């Protein structure tokens, strides 16, 4: 049970850090509380319990890659000079 709680906290806090970082990079002035952070935490706890403890870093990396892709598409659509390519 302790392992699941640890991975829930790690997944929730890690996804919150990723969310805040990419929200700041996108230039948002305000946003509502991210409820998806709880879902990522639950997914990390479940996968760590039933599959492998390495699932938590994998989920966080996938979340960061997806957030980076959204940021890239948003900047490309706005026509920012900061978007690579």
PDB file of N, CA and C in Angstrom:
ATOM      1  N   UNK A   1       0.822  -1.198   0.000  1.00  0.00           N
ATOM      2  CA  UNK A   1       0.000   0.000   0.000  1.00  0.00           C
ATOM      3  C   UNK A   1       0.863   1.256   0.000  1.00  0.00           C
ATOM      4  N   UNK A   2       2.000   1.186   0.701  1.00  0.00           N
ATOM      5  CA  UNK A   2       2.899   2.335   0.751  1.00  0.00           C
ATOM      6  C   UNK A   2       3.485   2.666  -0.613  1.00  0.00           C
ATOM      7  N   UNK A   3       3.740   1.622  -1.400  1.00  0.00           N
ATOM      8  CA  UNK A   3       4.283   1.843  -2.740  1.00  0.00           C
ATOM      9  C   UNK A   3       3.283   2.576  -3.620  1.00  0.00           C
ATOM     10  N   UNK A   4       2.032   2.186  -3.544  1.00  0.00           N
ATOM     11  CA  UNK A   4       1.004   2.848  -4.352  1.00  0.00           C
ATOM     12  C   UNK A   4       0.859   4.311  -3.948  1.00  0.00           C
ATOM     13  N   UNK A   5       0.901   4.587  -2.658  1.00  0.00           N
ATOM     14  CA  UNK A   5       0.791   5.966  -2.182  1.00  0.00           C
ATOM     15  C   UNK A   5       1.987   6.792  -2.634  1.00  0.00           C
ATOM     16  N   UNK A   6       3.167   6.204  -2.544  1.00  0.00           N
ATOM     17  CA  UNK A   6       4.372   6.896  -2.989  1.00  0.00           C
ATOM     18  C   UNK A   6       4.297   7.234  -4.473  1.00  0.00           C
ATOM     19  N   UNK A   7       3.865   6.293  -5.282  1.00  0.00           N
ATOM     20  CA  UNK A   7       3.776   6.532  -6.723  1.00  0.00           C
ATOM     21  C   UNK A   7       2.630   7.478  -7.064  1.00  0.00           C
ATOM     22  N   UNK A   8       1.548   7.456  -6.286  1.00  0.00           N
ATOM     23  CA  UNK A   8       0.476   8.427  -6.488  1.00  0.00           C
ATOM     24  C   UNK A   8       0.996   9.835  -6.243  1.00  0.00           C
ATOM     25  N   UNK A   9       1.713  10.023  -5.143  1.00  0.00           N
ATOM     26  CA  UNK A   9       2.262  11.344  -4.832  1.00  0.00           C
ATOM     27  C   UNK A   9       3.305  11.773  -5.858  1.00  0.00           C
ATOM     28  N   UNK A  10       4.179  10.863  -6.241  1.00  0.00           N
ATOM     29  CA  UNK A  10       5.206  11.189  -7.233  1.00  0.00           C
ATOM     30  C   UNK A  10       4.569  11.531  -8.580  1.00  0.00           C
ATOM     31  N   UNK A  11       3.582  10.756  -8.981  1.00  0.00           N
ATOM     32  CA  UNK A  11       2.905  11.028 -10.253  1.00  0.00           C
ATOM     33  C   UNK A  11       2.133  12.325 -10.226  1.00  0.00           C
ATOM     34  N   UNK A  12       1.444  12.595  -9.123  1.00  0.00           N
ATOM     35  CA  UNK A  12       0.669  13.834  -9.009  1.00  0.00           C
ATOM     36  C   UNK A  12       1.574  15.061  -8.980  1.00  0.00           C
ATOM     37  N   UNK A  13       2.598  15.020  -8.143  1.00  0.00           N
ATOM     38  CA  UNK A  13       3.501  16.167  -8.051  1.00  0.00           C
ATOM     39  C   UNK A  13       4.309  16.351  -9.336  1.00  0.00           C
ATOM     40  N   UNK A  14       4.742  15.244  -9.917  1.00  0.00           N
ATOM     41  CA  UNK A  14       5.487  15.341 -11.176  1.00  0.00           C
ATOM     42  C   UNK A  14       4.650  15.908 -12.302  1.00  0.00           C
ATOM     43  N   UNK A  15       3.420  15.456 -12.418  1.00  0.00           N
ATOM     44  CA  UNK A  15       2.560  15.983 -13.479  1.00  0.00           C
ATOM     45  C   UNK A  15       2.158  17.430 -13.206  1.00  0.00           C
ATOM     46  N   UNK A  16       2.052  17.813 -11.938  1.00  0.00           N
ATOM     47  CA  UNK A  16       1.774  19.211 -11.612  1.00  0.00           C
ATOM     48  C   UNK A  16       2.936  20.105 -12.022  1.00  0.00           C
ATOM     49  N   UNK A  17       4.156  19.639 -11.794  1.00  0.00           N
ATOM     50  CA  UNK A  17       5.340  20.398 -12.210  1.00  0.00           C
ATOM     51  C   UNK A  17       5.371  20.541 -13.734  1.00  0.00           C
ATOM     52  N   UNK A  18       5.098  19.459 -14.436  1.00  0.00           N
ATOM     53  CA  UNK A  18       5.077  19.504 -15.903  1.00  0.00           C
ATOM     54  C   UNK A  18       3.982  20.455 -16.384  1.00  0.00           C
ATOM     55  N   UNK A  19       2.809  20.373 -15.786  1.00  0.00           N
ATOM     56  CA  UNK A  19       1.694  21.235 -16.178  1.00  0.00           C
ATOM     57  C   UNK A  19       2.034  22.707 -15.975  1.00  0.00           C
ATOM     58  N   UNK A  20       2.560  23.045 -14.803  1.00  0.00           N
ATOM     59  CA  UNK A  20       2.878  24.449 -14.514  1.00  0.00           C
ATOM     60  C   UNK A  20       4.000  24.945 -15.427  1.00  0.00           C
ATOM     61  N   UNK A  21       5.000  24.123 -15.669  1.00  0.00           N
ATOM     62  CA  UNK A  21       6.107  24.534 -16.530  1.00  0.00           C
ATOM     63  C   UNK A  21       5.630  24.835 -17.948  1.00  0.00           C
ATOM     64  N   UNK A  22       4.831  23.961 -18.513  1.00  0.00           N
ATOM     65  CA  UNK A  22       4.380  24.185 -19.887  1.00  0.00           C
ATOM     66  C   UNK A  22       3.305  25.263 -19.962  1.00  0.00           C
ATOM     67  N   UNK A  23       2.565  25.468 -18.891  1.00  0.00           N
ATOM     68  CA  UNK A  23       1.605  26.568 -18.873  1.00  0.00           C
ATOM     69  C   UNK A  23       2.340  27.901 -18.869  1.00  0.00           C
ATOM     70  N   UNK A  24       3.406  27.985 -18.094  1.00  0.00           N
ATOM     71  CA  UNK A  24       4.213  29.213 -18.086  1.00  0.00           C
ATOM     72  C   UNK A  24       4.879  29.444 -19.444  1.00  0.00           C
ATOM     73  N   UNK A  25       5.389  28.373 -20.039  1.00  0.00           N
ATOM     74  CA  UNK A  25       6.033  28.507 -21.350  1.00  0.00           C
ATOM     75  C   UNK A  25       5.042  28.960 -22.426  1.00  0.00           C
ATOM     76  N   UNK A  26       3.782  28.579 -22.278  1.00  0.00           N
ATOM     77  CA  UNK A  26       2.792  28.970 -23.275  1.00  0.00           C
ATOM     78  C   UNK A  26       2.334  30.403 -23.089  1.00  0.00           C
ATOM     79  N   UNK A  27       2.647  30.998 -21.943  1.00  0.00           N
ATOM     80  CA  UNK A  27       2.319  32.403 -21.728  1.00  0.00           C
ATOM     81  C   UNK A  27       0.931  32.632 -21.164  1.00  0.00           C
ATOM     82  N   UNK A  28       0.311  31.621 -20.604  1.00  0.00           N
ATOM     83  CA  UNK A  28      -1.007  31.794 -19.993  1.00  0.00           C
ATOM     84  C   UNK A  28      -0.892  32.677 -18.764  1.00  0.00           C
ATOM     85  N   UNK A  29      -1.807  33.615 -18.649  1.00  0.00           N
ATOM     86  CA  UNK A  29      -1.814  34.497 -17.484  1.00  0.00           C
ATOM     87  C   UNK A  29      -2.568  33.862 -16.326  1.00  0.00           C
ATOM     88  N   UNK A  30      -3.597  33.089 -16.628  1.00  0.00           N
ATOM     89  CA  UNK A  30      -4.363  32.429 -15.573  1.00  0.00           C
ATOM     90  C   UNK A  30      -4.908  31.111 -16.106  1.00  0.00           C
ATOM     91  N   UNK A  31      -5.164  30.204 -15.189  1.00  0.00           N
ATOM     92  CA  UNK A  31      -5.721  28.909 -15.549  1.00  0.00           C
ATOM     93  C   UNK A  31      -6.446  28.341 -14.351  1.00  0.00           C
ATOM     94  N   UNK A  32      -7.290  27.369 -14.598  1.00  0.00           N
ATOM     95  CA  UNK A  32      -7.997  26.719 -13.499  1.00  0.00           C
ATOM     96  C   UNK A  32      -7.174  25.542 -12.989  1.00  0.00           C
ATOM     97  N   UNK A  33      -7.556  25.032 -11.853  1.00  0.00           N
ATOM     98  CA  UNK A  33      -6.820  23.916 -11.260  1.00  0.00           C
ATOM     99  C   UNK A  33      -6.862  22.701 -12.186  1.00  0.00           C
ATOM    100  N   UNK A  34      -5.723  22.087 -12.424  1.00  0.00           N
ATOM    101  CA  UNK A  34      -5.668  20.944 -13.340  1.00  0.00           C
ATOM    102  C   UNK A  34      -6.151  19.661 -12.672  1.00  0.00           C
ATOM    103  N   UNK A  35      -7.312  19.189 -13.036  1.00  0.00           N
ATOM    104  CA  UNK A  35      -7.849  17.965 -12.446  1.00  0.00           C
ATOM    105  C   UNK A  35      -7.176  16.727 -13.038  1.00  0.00           C
ATOM    106  N   UNK A  36      -6.575  16.872 -14.204  1.00  0.00           N
ATOM    107  CA  UNK A  36      -5.880  15.756 -14.829  1.00  0.00           C
ATOM    108  C   UNK A  36      -4.705  15.261 -14.013  1.00  0.00           C
ATOM    109  N   UNK A  37      -4.182  16.115 -13.145  1.00  0.00           N
ATOM    110  CA  UNK A  37      -3.065  15.733 -12.279  1.00  0.00           C
ATOM    111  C   UNK A  37      -3.465  14.557 -11.390  1.00  0.00           C
ATOM    112  N   UNK A  38      -4.692  14.557 -10.911  1.00  0.00           N
ATOM    113  CA  UNK A  38      -5.181  13.458 -10.072  1.00  0.00           C
ATOM    114  C   UNK A  38      -5.263  12.168 -10.888  1.00  0.00           C
ATOM    115  N   UNK A  39      -5.723  12.265 -12.129  1.00  0.00           N
ATOM    116  CA  UNK A  39      -5.800  11.084 -12.984  1.00  0.00           C
ATOM    117  C   UNK A  39      -4.418  10.501 -13.262  1.00  0.00           C
ATOM    118  N   UNK A  40      -3.439  11.364 -13.494  1.00  0.00           N
ATOM    119  CA  UNK A  40      -2.074  10.884 -13.723  1.00  0.00           C
ATOM    120  C   UNK A  40      -1.552  10.204 -12.463  1.00  0.00           C
ATOM    121  N   UNK A  41      -1.833  10.771 -11.311  1.00  0.00           N
ATOM    122  CA  UNK A  41      -1.411  10.153 -10.049  1.00  0.00           C
ATOM    123  C   UNK A  41      -2.030   8.789  -9.844  1.00  0.00           C
ATOM    124  N   UNK A  42      -3.319   8.660 -10.130  1.00  0.00           N
ATOM    125  CA  UNK A  42      -3.993   7.367  -9.994  1.00  0.00           C
ATOM    126  C   UNK A  42      -3.424   6.357 -10.990  1.00  0.00           C
ATOM    127  N   UNK A  43      -3.171   6.810 -12.198  1.00  0.00           N
ATOM    128  CA  UNK A  43      -2.594   5.909 -13.207  1.00  0.00           C
ATOM    129  C   UNK A  43      -1.208   5.443 -12.782  1.00  0.00           C
ATOM    130  N   UNK A  44      -0.396   6.351 -12.251  1.00  0.00           N
ATOM    131  CA  UNK A  44       0.945   5.974 -11.804  1.00  0.00           C
ATOM    132  C   UNK A  44       0.883   4.973 -10.650  1.00  0.00           C
ATOM    133  N   UNK A  45      -0.009   5.212  -9.698  1.00  0.00           N
ATOM    134  CA  UNK A  45      -0.139   4.288  -8.564  1.00  0.00           C
ATOM    135  C   UNK A  45      -0.598   2.913  -9.024  1.00  0.00           C
ATOM    136  N   UNK A  46      -1.582   2.886  -9.901  1.00  0.00           N
ATOM    137  CA  UNK A  46      -2.097   1.599 -10.386  1.00  0.00           C
ATOM    138  C   UNK A  46      -1.056   0.843 -11.195  1.00  0.00           C
ATOM    139  N   UNK A  47      -0.409   1.522 -12.109  1.00  0.00           N
ATOM    140  CA  UNK A  47       0.590   0.862 -12.942  1.00  0.00           C
ATOM    141  C   UNK A  47       1.798   0.413 -12.128  1.00  0.00           C
ATOM    142  N   UNK A  48       2.195   1.219 -11.142  1.00  0.00           N
ATOM    143  CA  UNK A  48       3.328   0.824 -10.304  1.00  0.00           C
ATOM    144  C   UNK A  48       2.981  -0.395  -9.457  1.00  0.00           C
ATOM    145  N   UNK A  49       1.745  -0.496  -9.039  1.00  0.00           N
ATOM    146  CA  UNK A  49       1.333  -1.629  -8.212  1.00  0.00           C
ATOM    147  C   UNK A  49       1.188  -2.908  -9.038  1.00  0.00           C
ATOM    148  N   UNK A  50       0.552  -2.803 -10.188  1.00  0.00           N
ATOM    149  CA  UNK A  50       0.246  -3.995 -10.974  1.00  0.00           C
ATOM    150  C   UNK A  50       1.278  -4.334 -12.039  1.00  0.00           C
ATOM    151  N   UNK A  51       2.026  -3.343 -12.509  1.00  0.00           N
ATOM    152  CA  UNK A  51       2.944  -3.587 -13.623  1.00  0.00           C
ATOM    153  C   UNK A  51       4.396  -3.499 -13.181  1.00  0.00           C
ATOM    154  N   UNK A  52       4.867  -2.282 -12.931  1.00  0.00           N
ATOM    155  CA  UNK A  52       6.261  -2.069 -12.571  1.00  0.00           C
ATOM    156  C   UNK A  52       6.423  -0.683 -11.965  1.00  0.00           C
ATOM    157  N   UNK A  53       7.342  -0.528 -11.039  1.00  0.00           N
ATOM    158  CA  UNK A  53       7.595   0.807 -10.497  1.00  0.00           C
ATOM    159  C   UNK A  53       8.155   1.777 -11.536  1.00  0.00           C
ATOM    160  N   UNK A  54       8.685   1.239 -12.620  1.00  0.00           N
ATOM    161  CA  UNK A  54       9.223   2.091 -13.678  1.00  0.00           C
ATOM    162  C   UNK A  54       8.120   2.718 -14.522  1.00  0.00           C
ATOM    163  N   UNK A  55       6.892   2.356 -14.266  1.00  0.00           N
ATOM    164  CA  UNK A  55       5.781   2.944 -15.017  1.00  0.00           C
ATOM    165  C   UNK A  55       5.585   4.411 -14.671  1.00  0.00           C
ATOM    166  N   UNK A  56       5.874   4.803 -13.439  1.00  0.00           N
ATOM    167  CA  UNK A  56       5.690   6.201 -13.036  1.00  0.00           C
ATOM    168  C   UNK A  56       6.578   7.144 -13.843  1.00  0.00           C
ATOM    169  N   UNK A  57       7.893   6.907 -13.941  1.00  0.00           N
ATOM    170  CA  UNK A  57       8.692   7.802 -14.783  1.00  0.00           C
ATOM    171  C   UNK A  57       8.279   7.748 -16.255  1.00  0.00           C
ATOM    172  N   UNK A  58       7.861   6.578 -16.713  1.00  0.00           N
ATOM    173  CA  UNK A  58       7.431   6.466 -18.108  1.00  0.00           C
ATOM    174  C   UNK A  58       6.179   7.307 -18.361  1.00  0.00           C
ATOM    175  N   UNK A  59       5.221   7.265 -17.444  1.00  0.00           N
ATOM    176  CA  UNK A  59       4.000   8.057 -17.595  1.00  0.00           C
ATOM    177  C   UNK A  59       4.330   9.541 -17.563  1.00  0.00           C
ATOM    178  N   UNK A  60       5.224   9.955 -16.672  1.00  0.00           N
ATOM    179  CA  UNK A  60       5.581  11.371 -16.581  1.00  0.00           C
ATOM    180  C   UNK A  60       6.320  11.852 -17.831  1.00  0.00           C
ATOM    181  N   UNK A  61       7.165  11.004 -18.385  1.00  0.00           N
ATOM    182  CA  UNK A  61       7.854  11.370 -19.631  1.00  0.00           C
ATOM    183  C   UNK A  61       6.845  11.493 -20.772  1.00  0.00           C
ATOM    184  N   UNK A  62       5.902  10.552 -20.859  1.00  0.00           N
ATOM    185  CA  UNK A  62       4.877  10.636 -21.902  1.00  0.00           C
ATOM    186  C   UNK A  62       4.019  11.898 -21.745  1.00  0.00           C
ATOM    187  N   UNK A  63       3.694  12.264 -20.519  1.00  0.00           N
ATOM    188  CA  UNK A  63       2.917  13.478 -20.257  1.00  0.00           C
ATOM    189  C   UNK A  63       3.705  14.718 -20.666  1.00  0.00           C
ATOM    190  N   UNK A  64       5.009  14.733 -20.372  1.00  0.00           N
ATOM    191  CA  UNK A  64       5.847  15.867 -20.760  1.00  0.00           C
ATOM    192  C   UNK A  64       5.983  15.960 -22.278  1.00  0.00           C
ATOM    193  N   UNK A  65       6.119  14.833 -22.948  1.00  0.00           N
ATOM    194  CA  UNK A  65       6.222  14.833 -24.416  1.00  0.00           C
ATOM    195  C   UNK A  65       4.918  15.327 -25.044  1.00  0.00           C
ATOM    196  N   UNK A  66       3.792  14.881 -24.511  1.00  0.00           N
ATOM    197  CA  UNK A  66       2.497  15.337 -25.019  1.00  0.00           C
ATOM    198  C   UNK A  66       2.316  16.842 -24.785  1.00  0.00           C
ATOM    199  N   UNK A  67       2.742  17.325 -23.634  1.00  0.00           N
ATOM    200  CA  UNK A  67       2.642  18.758 -23.342  1.00  0.00           C
ATOM    201  C   UNK A  67       3.552  19.569 -24.256  1.00  0.00           C
ATOM    202  N   UNK A  68       4.749  19.049 -24.524  1.00  0.00           N
ATOM    203  CA  UNK A  68       5.662  19.736 -25.437  1.00  0.00           C
ATOM    204  C   UNK A  68       5.079  19.778 -26.847  1.00  0.00           C
ATOM    205  N   UNK A  69       4.445  18.705 -27.266  1.00  0.00           N
ATOM    206  CA  UNK A  69       3.802  18.692 -28.583  1.00  0.00           C
ATOM    207  C   UNK A  69       2.675  19.699 -28.682  1.00  0.00           C
ATOM    208  N   UNK A  70       1.885  19.816 -27.634  1.00  0.00           N
ATOM    209  CA  UNK A  70       0.812  20.813 -27.625  1.00  0.00           C
ATOM    210  C   UNK A  70       1.374  22.227 -27.663  1.00  0.00           C
ATOM    211  N   UNK A  71       2.446  22.466 -26.910  1.00  0.00           N
ATOM    212  CA  UNK A  71       3.074  23.784 -26.915  1.00  0.00           C
ATOM    213  C   UNK A  71       3.612  24.119 -28.299  1.00  0.00           C
ATOM    214  N   UNK A  72       4.250  23.157 -28.938  1.00  0.00           N
ATOM    215  CA  UNK A  72       4.783  23.369 -30.287  1.00  0.00           C
ATOM    216  C   UNK A  72       3.663  23.699 -31.277  1.00  0.00           C
ATOM    217  N   UNK A  73       2.567  22.939 -31.226  1.00  0.00           N
ATOM    218  CA  UNK A  73       1.453  23.194 -32.140  1.00  0.00           C
ATOM    219  C   UNK A  73       0.804  24.544 -31.870  1.00  0.00           C
ATOM    220  N   UNK A  74       0.708  24.916 -30.602  1.00  0.00           N
ATOM    221  CA  UNK A  74       0.122  26.207 -30.253  1.00  0.00           C
ATOM    222  C   UNK A  74       0.981  27.358 -30.768  1.00  0.00           C
ATOM    223  N   UNK A  75       2.281  27.252 -30.579  1.00  0.00           N
ATOM    224  CA  UNK A  75       3.178  28.313 -31.057  1.00  0.00           C
ATOM    225  C   UNK A  75       3.203  28.366 -32.577  1.00  0.00           C
ATOM    226  N   UNK A  76       3.130  27.229 -33.200  1.00  0.00           N
ATOM    227  CA  UNK A  76       3.127  27.182 -34.658  1.00  0.00           C
ATOM    228  C   UNK A  76       1.846  27.829 -35.204  1.00  0.00           C
ATOM    229  N   UNK A  77       0.720  27.570 -34.551  1.00  0.00           N
ATOM    230  CA  UNK A  77      -0.544  28.151 -34.977  1.00  0.00           C
ATOM    231  C   UNK A  77      -0.595  29.654 -34.771  1.00  0.00           C
ATOM    232  N   UNK A  78       0.064  30.135 -33.698  1.00  0.00           N
ATOM    233  CA  UNK A  78       0.127  31.578 -33.437  1.00  0.00           C
ATOM    234  C   UNK A  78       1.129  32.278 -34.323  1.00  0.00           C
ATOM    235  N   UNK A  79       2.071  31.522 -34.862  1.00  0.00           N
ATOM    236  CA  UNK A  79       3.084  32.109 -35.713  1.00  0.00           C
ATOM    237  C   UNK A  79       4.205  32.732 -34.909  1.00  0.00           C
ATOM    238  N   UNK A  80       4.461  32.244 -33.712  1.00  0.00           N
ATOM    239  CA  UNK A  80       5.552  32.762 -32.881  1.00  0.00           C
ATOM    240  C   UNK A  80       6.883  32.467 -33.514  1.00  0.00           C
ATOM    241  N   UNK A  81       7.816  33.373 -33.314  1.00  0.00           N
ATOM    242  CA  UNK A  81       9.179  33.156 -33.815  1.00  0.00           C
ATOM    243  C   UNK A  81       9.923  32.175 -32.923  1.00  0.00           C
ATOM    244  N   UNK A  82       9.386  31.865 -31.736  1.00  0.00           N
ATOM    245  CA  UNK A  82      10.048  30.944 -30.812  1.00  0.00           C
ATOM    246  C   UNK A  82       9.830  29.495 -31.202  1.00  0.00           C
ATOM    247  N   UNK A  83       8.883  29.221 -32.072  1.00  0.00           N
ATOM    248  CA  UNK A  83       8.616  27.844 -32.477  1.00  0.00           C
ATOM    249  C   UNK A  83       9.713  27.385 -33.439  1.00  0.00           C
ATOM    250  N   UNK A  84      10.359  26.261 -33.142  1.00  0.00           N
ATOM    251  CA  UNK A  84      11.398  25.775 -34.057  1.00  0.00           C
ATOM    252  C   UNK A  84      10.785  25.287 -35.361  1.00  0.00           C
ATOM    253  N   UNK A  85      11.513  25.501 -36.425  1.00  0.00           N
ATOM    254  CA  UNK A  85      11.067  24.991 -37.717  1.00  0.00           C
ATOM    255  C   UNK A  85      10.418  25.961 -38.519  1.00  0.00           C
TER     256      UNK A  85
END
